[in-house]
N, C-alpha and C. Protein backbone atom coordinates (compact mmCIF):
# COMPACT_ATOMS: atom_id res chain seq x y z
N MET A 1 1.50 -6.82 19.43
CA MET A 1 1.04 -6.07 18.27
C MET A 1 2.20 -5.77 17.32
N LYS A 2 3.36 -5.42 17.87
CA LYS A 2 4.52 -5.08 17.05
C LYS A 2 4.94 -6.26 16.19
N GLU A 3 5.07 -7.43 16.81
CA GLU A 3 5.47 -8.62 16.07
C GLU A 3 4.44 -8.98 15.02
N GLN A 4 3.16 -8.85 15.37
CA GLN A 4 2.09 -9.17 14.43
C GLN A 4 2.14 -8.25 13.21
N LEU A 5 2.36 -6.97 13.42
CA LEU A 5 2.45 -6.03 12.30
C LEU A 5 3.65 -6.35 11.40
N PHE A 6 4.75 -6.73 12.01
CA PHE A 6 5.93 -7.09 11.21
C PHE A 6 5.63 -8.33 10.37
N ILE A 7 4.99 -9.33 10.97
CA ILE A 7 4.61 -10.54 10.23
C ILE A 7 3.66 -10.20 9.09
N GLU A 8 2.68 -9.35 9.36
CA GLU A 8 1.73 -8.94 8.32
C GLU A 8 2.43 -8.18 7.20
N PHE A 9 3.41 -7.36 7.55
CA PHE A 9 4.18 -6.64 6.54
C PHE A 9 4.92 -7.63 5.64
N GLU A 10 5.55 -8.62 6.23
CA GLU A 10 6.27 -9.64 5.46
C GLU A 10 5.29 -10.41 4.55
N GLU A 11 4.14 -10.78 5.09
CA GLU A 11 3.14 -11.53 4.32
C GLU A 11 2.61 -10.71 3.15
N THR A 12 2.26 -9.45 3.41
CA THR A 12 1.70 -8.64 2.32
C THR A 12 2.76 -8.30 1.28
N THR A 13 4.00 -8.21 1.68
CA THR A 13 5.07 -7.99 0.70
C THR A 13 5.13 -9.18 -0.25
N LYS A 14 5.12 -10.39 0.30
CA LYS A 14 5.14 -11.61 -0.52
C LYS A 14 3.89 -11.66 -1.42
N GLU A 15 2.73 -11.37 -0.85
CA GLU A 15 1.47 -11.41 -1.60
C GLU A 15 1.45 -10.36 -2.71
N LEU A 16 2.05 -9.22 -2.45
CA LEU A 16 2.11 -8.16 -3.47
C LEU A 16 2.87 -8.65 -4.70
N PHE A 17 4.03 -9.27 -4.48
CA PHE A 17 4.81 -9.75 -5.63
C PHE A 17 4.11 -10.90 -6.33
N GLU A 18 3.40 -11.72 -5.60
CA GLU A 18 2.60 -12.79 -6.21
C GLU A 18 1.49 -12.19 -7.07
N ALA A 19 0.83 -11.15 -6.57
CA ALA A 19 -0.25 -10.50 -7.32
C ALA A 19 0.29 -9.85 -8.59
N LEU A 20 1.41 -9.16 -8.48
CA LEU A 20 2.01 -8.52 -9.67
C LEU A 20 2.39 -9.56 -10.71
N SER A 21 2.80 -10.74 -10.27
CA SER A 21 3.23 -11.77 -11.21
C SER A 21 2.06 -12.48 -11.90
N LEU A 22 0.84 -12.17 -11.51
CA LEU A 22 -0.34 -12.75 -12.17
C LEU A 22 -0.54 -12.20 -13.58
N PHE A 23 0.15 -11.10 -13.89
CA PHE A 23 -0.10 -10.38 -15.14
C PHE A 23 1.09 -10.43 -16.08
N SER A 24 0.79 -10.60 -17.36
CA SER A 24 1.80 -10.36 -18.38
C SER A 24 1.92 -8.85 -18.53
N GLN A 25 2.91 -8.41 -19.26
CA GLN A 25 3.06 -6.97 -19.49
C GLN A 25 1.80 -6.41 -20.16
N GLU A 26 1.27 -7.13 -21.12
CA GLU A 26 0.07 -6.67 -21.83
C GLU A 26 -1.14 -6.62 -20.89
N GLU A 27 -1.33 -7.67 -20.11
CA GLU A 27 -2.46 -7.71 -19.18
C GLU A 27 -2.37 -6.63 -18.11
N PHE A 28 -1.15 -6.25 -17.75
CA PHE A 28 -0.92 -5.24 -16.73
C PHE A 28 -1.57 -3.90 -17.10
N ASN A 29 -1.75 -3.66 -18.39
CA ASN A 29 -2.31 -2.41 -18.89
C ASN A 29 -3.69 -2.56 -19.52
N LYS A 30 -4.30 -3.69 -19.31
CA LYS A 30 -5.61 -3.96 -19.91
C LYS A 30 -6.72 -3.65 -18.92
N ILE A 31 -7.73 -2.93 -19.38
CA ILE A 31 -8.90 -2.61 -18.53
C ILE A 31 -9.78 -3.86 -18.47
N PRO A 32 -10.03 -4.38 -17.26
CA PRO A 32 -10.78 -5.64 -17.15
C PRO A 32 -12.29 -5.48 -17.33
N PHE A 33 -12.82 -4.33 -16.96
CA PHE A 33 -14.25 -4.05 -17.11
C PHE A 33 -14.44 -2.55 -16.99
N GLU A 34 -15.56 -2.06 -17.48
CA GLU A 34 -15.82 -0.62 -17.49
C GLU A 34 -15.79 -0.05 -16.08
N GLY A 35 -15.10 1.07 -15.93
CA GLY A 35 -15.02 1.75 -14.65
C GLY A 35 -13.88 1.26 -13.77
N SER A 36 -13.13 0.27 -14.22
CA SER A 36 -12.04 -0.29 -13.42
C SER A 36 -10.70 0.32 -13.81
N TRP A 37 -9.80 0.33 -12.86
CA TRP A 37 -8.41 0.62 -13.16
C TRP A 37 -7.78 -0.63 -13.75
N THR A 38 -6.69 -0.46 -14.44
CA THR A 38 -5.88 -1.60 -14.86
C THR A 38 -5.05 -2.06 -13.65
N ALA A 39 -4.46 -3.24 -13.76
CA ALA A 39 -3.56 -3.69 -12.69
C ALA A 39 -2.39 -2.72 -12.55
N GLY A 40 -1.93 -2.19 -13.67
CA GLY A 40 -0.84 -1.21 -13.64
C GLY A 40 -1.23 0.05 -12.90
N GLN A 41 -2.45 0.50 -13.09
CA GLN A 41 -2.91 1.70 -12.37
C GLN A 41 -3.04 1.42 -10.87
N VAL A 42 -3.50 0.22 -10.52
CA VAL A 42 -3.58 -0.15 -9.11
C VAL A 42 -2.18 -0.14 -8.51
N ALA A 43 -1.23 -0.73 -9.23
CA ALA A 43 0.17 -0.76 -8.75
C ALA A 43 0.72 0.65 -8.60
N GLU A 44 0.44 1.53 -9.56
CA GLU A 44 0.94 2.90 -9.47
C GLU A 44 0.34 3.62 -8.26
N HIS A 45 -0.95 3.47 -8.06
CA HIS A 45 -1.62 4.07 -6.91
C HIS A 45 -1.01 3.57 -5.60
N LEU A 46 -0.84 2.27 -5.50
CA LEU A 46 -0.27 1.68 -4.29
C LEU A 46 1.15 2.19 -4.08
N PHE A 47 1.93 2.24 -5.15
CA PHE A 47 3.31 2.72 -5.02
C PHE A 47 3.35 4.19 -4.61
N LYS A 48 2.51 5.01 -5.23
CA LYS A 48 2.48 6.43 -4.86
C LYS A 48 2.11 6.61 -3.39
N SER A 49 1.22 5.76 -2.90
CA SER A 49 0.75 5.92 -1.52
C SER A 49 1.77 5.46 -0.49
N GLU A 50 2.65 4.54 -0.86
CA GLU A 50 3.60 4.06 0.15
C GLU A 50 5.05 4.45 -0.11
N SER A 51 5.38 4.95 -1.28
CA SER A 51 6.78 5.23 -1.60
C SER A 51 7.36 6.38 -0.79
N ASN A 52 6.52 7.26 -0.28
CA ASN A 52 7.04 8.38 0.53
C ASN A 52 7.11 8.05 2.02
N ILE A 53 6.60 6.90 2.41
CA ILE A 53 6.62 6.55 3.84
C ILE A 53 8.06 6.43 4.36
N PRO A 54 9.00 5.85 3.62
CA PRO A 54 10.38 5.85 4.13
C PRO A 54 10.91 7.26 4.39
N THR A 55 10.54 8.22 3.54
CA THR A 55 10.95 9.61 3.73
C THR A 55 10.31 10.18 5.00
N VAL A 56 9.04 9.89 5.21
CA VAL A 56 8.34 10.36 6.41
C VAL A 56 9.02 9.78 7.65
N LEU A 57 9.39 8.51 7.59
CA LEU A 57 10.02 7.86 8.74
C LEU A 57 11.43 8.38 9.01
N LYS A 58 12.06 8.97 8.01
CA LYS A 58 13.39 9.57 8.19
C LYS A 58 13.28 11.03 8.63
N GLY A 59 12.07 11.57 8.57
CA GLY A 59 11.87 12.98 8.85
C GLY A 59 11.65 13.30 10.31
N SER A 60 11.04 14.44 10.54
CA SER A 60 10.80 14.93 11.89
C SER A 60 9.85 14.01 12.65
N SER A 61 10.12 13.90 13.95
CA SER A 61 9.25 13.10 14.81
C SER A 61 9.22 13.71 16.20
N GLU A 62 8.26 13.25 16.98
CA GLU A 62 8.14 13.70 18.36
C GLU A 62 7.66 12.53 19.21
N GLU A 63 7.83 12.68 20.50
CA GLU A 63 7.34 11.65 21.42
C GLU A 63 5.82 11.57 21.28
N THR A 64 5.31 10.36 21.33
CA THR A 64 3.87 10.13 21.19
C THR A 64 3.21 10.25 22.55
N LYS A 65 2.13 11.01 22.59
CA LYS A 65 1.42 11.26 23.86
C LYS A 65 0.11 10.48 23.93
N ARG A 66 0.04 9.37 23.23
CA ARG A 66 -1.15 8.53 23.21
C ARG A 66 -0.70 7.10 22.93
N ASP A 67 -1.62 6.17 22.90
CA ASP A 67 -1.30 4.79 22.55
C ASP A 67 -0.73 4.78 21.12
N VAL A 68 0.43 4.17 20.95
CA VAL A 68 1.11 4.19 19.64
C VAL A 68 0.35 3.41 18.57
N PHE A 69 -0.65 2.63 18.96
CA PHE A 69 -1.47 1.85 18.03
C PHE A 69 -2.89 2.41 17.93
N ALA A 70 -3.15 3.59 18.50
CA ALA A 70 -4.51 4.12 18.63
C ALA A 70 -5.28 4.15 17.31
N ASN A 71 -4.63 4.47 16.21
CA ASN A 71 -5.33 4.59 14.92
C ASN A 71 -5.35 3.30 14.12
N CYS A 72 -4.70 2.25 14.60
CA CYS A 72 -4.65 1.00 13.83
C CYS A 72 -6.04 0.39 13.64
N GLY A 73 -6.88 0.45 14.65
CA GLY A 73 -8.24 -0.08 14.52
C GLY A 73 -9.03 0.64 13.43
N ILE A 74 -8.91 1.94 13.40
CA ILE A 74 -9.61 2.74 12.38
C ILE A 74 -9.05 2.42 11.00
N ILE A 75 -7.74 2.35 10.90
CA ILE A 75 -7.10 2.05 9.61
C ILE A 75 -7.57 0.69 9.10
N ARG A 76 -7.57 -0.31 9.96
CA ARG A 76 -8.04 -1.65 9.56
C ARG A 76 -9.50 -1.61 9.14
N LYS A 77 -10.32 -0.94 9.93
CA LYS A 77 -11.76 -0.89 9.64
C LYS A 77 -12.01 -0.23 8.28
N VAL A 78 -11.35 0.87 8.02
CA VAL A 78 -11.56 1.62 6.77
C VAL A 78 -11.04 0.84 5.56
N PHE A 79 -9.80 0.40 5.62
CA PHE A 79 -9.16 -0.18 4.43
C PHE A 79 -9.51 -1.64 4.18
N LEU A 80 -9.95 -2.35 5.19
CA LEU A 80 -10.29 -3.76 5.00
C LEU A 80 -11.78 -3.99 4.84
N ASP A 81 -12.56 -2.92 4.77
CA ASP A 81 -13.99 -3.04 4.47
C ASP A 81 -14.15 -2.97 2.96
N TYR A 82 -14.23 -4.14 2.34
CA TYR A 82 -14.26 -4.20 0.88
C TYR A 82 -15.63 -3.86 0.31
N THR A 83 -16.62 -3.65 1.16
CA THR A 83 -17.95 -3.26 0.67
C THR A 83 -18.00 -1.77 0.33
N VAL A 84 -17.00 -1.02 0.81
CA VAL A 84 -16.97 0.43 0.60
C VAL A 84 -16.00 0.76 -0.52
N LYS A 85 -16.50 1.46 -1.54
CA LYS A 85 -15.63 1.93 -2.62
C LYS A 85 -15.09 3.29 -2.17
N MET A 86 -13.78 3.40 -2.16
CA MET A 86 -13.15 4.60 -1.65
C MET A 86 -12.74 5.52 -2.80
N LYS A 87 -12.66 6.79 -2.50
CA LYS A 87 -12.18 7.78 -3.45
C LYS A 87 -10.77 8.16 -3.04
N SER A 88 -9.86 8.00 -3.97
CA SER A 88 -8.45 8.26 -3.70
C SER A 88 -8.15 9.76 -3.73
N PRO A 89 -7.29 10.24 -2.83
CA PRO A 89 -6.87 11.64 -2.92
C PRO A 89 -6.14 11.87 -4.26
N GLU A 90 -6.30 13.04 -4.77
CA GLU A 90 -5.75 13.42 -6.07
C GLU A 90 -4.26 13.09 -6.21
N PHE A 91 -3.47 13.35 -5.16
CA PHE A 91 -2.02 13.22 -5.28
C PHE A 91 -1.53 11.77 -5.41
N ILE A 92 -2.40 10.79 -5.20
CA ILE A 92 -1.99 9.40 -5.39
C ILE A 92 -2.82 8.68 -6.46
N LEU A 93 -3.55 9.45 -7.26
CA LEU A 93 -4.28 8.85 -8.37
C LEU A 93 -3.28 8.40 -9.44
N PRO A 94 -3.56 7.27 -10.10
CA PRO A 94 -2.67 6.83 -11.17
C PRO A 94 -2.90 7.64 -12.44
N SER A 95 -1.88 7.68 -13.25
CA SER A 95 -1.98 8.36 -14.54
C SER A 95 -2.56 7.40 -15.57
N GLY A 96 -2.87 7.92 -16.73
CA GLY A 96 -3.36 7.08 -17.82
C GLY A 96 -2.24 6.49 -18.65
N ALA A 97 -1.01 6.81 -18.33
CA ALA A 97 0.14 6.33 -19.11
C ALA A 97 0.31 4.82 -18.95
N ARG A 98 0.89 4.22 -19.96
CA ARG A 98 1.19 2.78 -19.94
C ARG A 98 2.19 2.48 -18.82
N LYS A 99 1.98 1.36 -18.13
CA LYS A 99 2.81 0.98 -16.99
C LYS A 99 3.69 -0.22 -17.35
N ASP A 100 4.89 -0.24 -16.78
CA ASP A 100 5.80 -1.35 -16.97
C ASP A 100 5.79 -2.22 -15.72
N ARG A 101 5.29 -3.43 -15.86
CA ARG A 101 5.15 -4.34 -14.71
C ARG A 101 6.49 -4.59 -14.02
N ASP A 102 7.52 -4.90 -14.79
CA ASP A 102 8.83 -5.21 -14.20
C ASP A 102 9.42 -4.01 -13.47
N ASP A 103 9.16 -2.81 -13.98
CA ASP A 103 9.62 -1.60 -13.32
C ASP A 103 8.95 -1.46 -11.95
N PHE A 104 7.65 -1.74 -11.88
CA PHE A 104 6.95 -1.66 -10.59
C PHE A 104 7.44 -2.73 -9.63
N ILE A 105 7.71 -3.92 -10.12
CA ILE A 105 8.26 -4.97 -9.26
C ILE A 105 9.58 -4.49 -8.66
N HIS A 106 10.44 -3.94 -9.48
CA HIS A 106 11.73 -3.43 -9.02
C HIS A 106 11.55 -2.30 -8.00
N ARG A 107 10.67 -1.36 -8.30
CA ARG A 107 10.46 -0.21 -7.41
C ARG A 107 9.88 -0.66 -6.07
N PHE A 108 8.92 -1.59 -6.09
CA PHE A 108 8.36 -2.10 -4.84
C PHE A 108 9.42 -2.85 -4.03
N LYS A 109 10.29 -3.61 -4.70
CA LYS A 109 11.35 -4.32 -3.98
C LYS A 109 12.23 -3.33 -3.23
N GLU A 110 12.61 -2.25 -3.88
CA GLU A 110 13.46 -1.25 -3.23
C GLU A 110 12.75 -0.60 -2.04
N THR A 111 11.52 -0.17 -2.25
CA THR A 111 10.77 0.50 -1.18
C THR A 111 10.51 -0.44 -0.01
N ARG A 112 10.10 -1.67 -0.30
CA ARG A 112 9.82 -2.62 0.77
C ARG A 112 11.09 -3.00 1.54
N ARG A 113 12.20 -3.09 0.85
CA ARG A 113 13.47 -3.39 1.51
C ARG A 113 13.83 -2.24 2.46
N GLU A 114 13.64 -1.00 1.98
CA GLU A 114 13.93 0.16 2.83
C GLU A 114 12.99 0.21 4.04
N LEU A 115 11.72 -0.05 3.81
CA LEU A 115 10.76 -0.08 4.93
C LEU A 115 11.12 -1.15 5.95
N LYS A 116 11.52 -2.32 5.48
CA LYS A 116 11.90 -3.39 6.40
C LYS A 116 13.08 -2.95 7.27
N THR A 117 14.07 -2.33 6.65
CA THR A 117 15.22 -1.84 7.41
C THR A 117 14.79 -0.82 8.45
N GLN A 118 13.90 0.08 8.07
CA GLN A 118 13.42 1.10 9.01
C GLN A 118 12.63 0.48 10.16
N ILE A 119 11.81 -0.52 9.85
CA ILE A 119 11.03 -1.20 10.88
C ILE A 119 11.97 -1.81 11.91
N GLU A 120 13.07 -2.36 11.43
CA GLU A 120 14.03 -3.03 12.30
C GLU A 120 14.93 -2.07 13.07
N THR A 121 15.08 -0.83 12.59
CA THR A 121 16.07 0.07 13.19
C THR A 121 15.53 1.35 13.82
N LEU A 122 14.37 1.81 13.39
CA LEU A 122 13.84 3.08 13.90
C LEU A 122 12.93 2.87 15.10
N ASP A 123 12.72 3.94 15.84
CA ASP A 123 11.77 3.93 16.96
C ASP A 123 10.40 4.26 16.40
N LEU A 124 9.61 3.23 16.13
CA LEU A 124 8.29 3.42 15.53
C LEU A 124 7.25 3.87 16.55
N ASN A 125 7.64 4.00 17.81
CA ASN A 125 6.74 4.53 18.83
C ASN A 125 6.57 6.04 18.69
N LYS A 126 7.44 6.66 17.95
CA LYS A 126 7.37 8.12 17.77
C LYS A 126 6.25 8.48 16.80
N THR A 127 5.79 9.72 16.88
CA THR A 127 4.83 10.26 15.94
C THR A 127 5.63 11.02 14.89
N PHE A 128 5.41 10.69 13.63
CA PHE A 128 6.17 11.28 12.53
C PHE A 128 5.37 12.45 11.95
N THR A 129 5.99 13.61 11.93
CA THR A 129 5.26 14.86 11.72
C THR A 129 5.40 15.47 10.33
N ASN A 130 6.08 14.81 9.42
CA ASN A 130 6.24 15.39 8.07
C ASN A 130 5.06 15.13 7.15
N PHE A 131 4.08 14.35 7.59
CA PHE A 131 2.89 14.10 6.78
C PHE A 131 1.70 13.95 7.70
N SER A 132 0.64 14.65 7.36
CA SER A 132 -0.61 14.56 8.12
C SER A 132 -1.59 13.70 7.31
N PHE A 133 -1.92 12.56 7.85
CA PHE A 133 -2.81 11.62 7.19
C PHE A 133 -4.22 12.20 7.18
N PRO A 134 -4.92 12.15 6.03
CA PRO A 134 -6.29 12.70 5.98
C PRO A 134 -7.18 12.17 7.12
N GLN A 135 -7.83 13.04 7.80
CA GLN A 135 -8.76 12.81 8.89
C GLN A 135 -8.15 12.19 10.15
N MET A 136 -6.85 11.90 10.16
CA MET A 136 -6.24 11.32 11.36
C MET A 136 -5.07 12.14 11.87
N GLY A 137 -4.49 12.94 11.04
CA GLY A 137 -3.33 13.72 11.46
C GLY A 137 -2.04 12.92 11.35
N CYS A 138 -1.06 13.31 12.12
CA CYS A 138 0.25 12.65 12.09
C CYS A 138 0.14 11.29 12.80
N LEU A 139 0.80 10.30 12.23
CA LEU A 139 0.72 8.93 12.74
C LEU A 139 2.04 8.48 13.33
N THR A 140 1.96 7.47 14.17
CA THR A 140 3.16 6.83 14.68
C THR A 140 3.73 5.92 13.59
N GLY A 141 4.94 5.47 13.78
CA GLY A 141 5.52 4.53 12.83
C GLY A 141 4.72 3.25 12.73
N TRP A 142 4.19 2.78 13.86
CA TRP A 142 3.37 1.56 13.85
C TRP A 142 2.08 1.76 13.07
N GLU A 143 1.49 2.93 13.20
CA GLU A 143 0.26 3.22 12.45
C GLU A 143 0.55 3.34 10.96
N LEU A 144 1.69 3.93 10.61
CA LEU A 144 2.08 3.99 9.20
C LEU A 144 2.30 2.59 8.65
N LEU A 145 2.91 1.73 9.43
CA LEU A 145 3.10 0.34 9.00
C LEU A 145 1.75 -0.36 8.85
N CYS A 146 0.85 -0.12 9.77
CA CYS A 146 -0.49 -0.69 9.68
C CYS A 146 -1.18 -0.21 8.39
N PHE A 147 -1.02 1.06 8.05
CA PHE A 147 -1.57 1.57 6.80
C PHE A 147 -0.98 0.82 5.61
N VAL A 148 0.33 0.65 5.57
CA VAL A 148 0.97 -0.05 4.45
C VAL A 148 0.38 -1.45 4.31
N VAL A 149 0.24 -2.15 5.43
CA VAL A 149 -0.30 -3.52 5.41
C VAL A 149 -1.74 -3.53 4.90
N CYS A 150 -2.59 -2.71 5.48
CA CYS A 150 -4.02 -2.75 5.15
C CYS A 150 -4.30 -2.21 3.76
N HIS A 151 -3.63 -1.15 3.38
CA HIS A 151 -3.82 -0.59 2.04
C HIS A 151 -3.32 -1.58 1.00
N SER A 152 -2.22 -2.25 1.28
CA SER A 152 -1.69 -3.28 0.37
C SER A 152 -2.70 -4.42 0.22
N ARG A 153 -3.22 -4.88 1.35
CA ARG A 153 -4.20 -5.98 1.28
C ARG A 153 -5.39 -5.61 0.40
N ARG A 154 -5.87 -4.40 0.56
CA ARG A 154 -7.02 -3.94 -0.22
C ARG A 154 -6.70 -4.02 -1.72
N HIS A 155 -5.53 -3.55 -2.10
CA HIS A 155 -5.21 -3.48 -3.52
C HIS A 155 -4.65 -4.79 -4.07
N ILE A 156 -4.10 -5.63 -3.25
CA ILE A 156 -3.74 -6.98 -3.69
C ILE A 156 -5.01 -7.73 -4.06
N ARG A 157 -6.03 -7.58 -3.22
CA ARG A 157 -7.34 -8.18 -3.50
C ARG A 157 -7.89 -7.65 -4.83
N GLN A 158 -7.77 -6.35 -5.03
CA GLN A 158 -8.25 -5.73 -6.26
C GLN A 158 -7.50 -6.29 -7.48
N MET A 159 -6.19 -6.46 -7.36
CA MET A 159 -5.42 -7.01 -8.48
C MET A 159 -5.82 -8.45 -8.78
N LYS A 160 -6.11 -9.23 -7.74
CA LYS A 160 -6.55 -10.62 -7.96
C LYS A 160 -7.89 -10.65 -8.69
N ILE A 161 -8.78 -9.74 -8.34
CA ILE A 161 -10.08 -9.66 -9.03
C ILE A 161 -9.87 -9.27 -10.49
N ILE A 162 -8.99 -8.32 -10.74
CA ILE A 162 -8.69 -7.91 -12.11
C ILE A 162 -8.13 -9.09 -12.90
N ALA A 163 -7.23 -9.85 -12.30
CA ALA A 163 -6.64 -11.02 -12.97
C ALA A 163 -7.73 -12.04 -13.33
N GLU A 164 -8.64 -12.29 -12.38
CA GLU A 164 -9.76 -13.22 -12.64
C GLU A 164 -10.63 -12.75 -13.79
N LYS A 165 -10.96 -11.46 -13.81
CA LYS A 165 -11.80 -10.90 -14.87
C LYS A 165 -11.11 -11.02 -16.23
N LEU A 166 -9.81 -10.73 -16.27
CA LEU A 166 -9.08 -10.81 -17.53
C LEU A 166 -9.00 -12.24 -18.02
N LYS A 167 -8.82 -13.19 -17.11
CA LYS A 167 -8.77 -14.62 -17.50
C LYS A 167 -10.14 -15.07 -18.02
N ALA A 168 -11.22 -14.60 -17.39
CA ALA A 168 -12.58 -14.97 -17.82
C ALA A 168 -12.87 -14.42 -19.21
N VAL A 169 -12.43 -13.20 -19.49
CA VAL A 169 -12.64 -12.58 -20.81
C VAL A 169 -11.84 -13.35 -21.88
N ALA A 170 -10.65 -13.77 -21.52
CA ALA A 170 -9.77 -14.47 -22.46
C ALA A 170 -10.23 -15.89 -22.75
N ALA A 171 -10.99 -16.49 -21.82
CA ALA A 171 -11.42 -17.90 -21.96
C ALA A 171 -12.50 -18.08 -23.00
């Protein structure tokens, strides 16, 4: 499971940069259809949701008294079910401000590089106690990594759909 999660992290990191590169700066801030976020808003939401994970992994932790992957099944089920439209917690909602695509690419590169280093050097079997995940509580490092992978996949898919819609409108 550990090796698989690391491979998935590497794959979704590559896919994230590919998805971001689908957009010009102008397209990054264009609403593709009514009720949708822009690609820039999706990127901001994704960045807000994962940018604090390196801080959580550097913070307080304790020995885990359960299977270190116990919540991975739930995380996968929730975030990879594309038939369910989810409501984002307020603290990770994107703003209405214009987004800079290149800035997000740079910020994601830094965060993903830091996460990769932590995956390779920290004891992810521990439960990290500086953040309580909604409805699940404190997660292990492996579960946090699983969240990054699954949440990224969900929003990479969303960005690809936005790109398709924008191309169809432009055609």
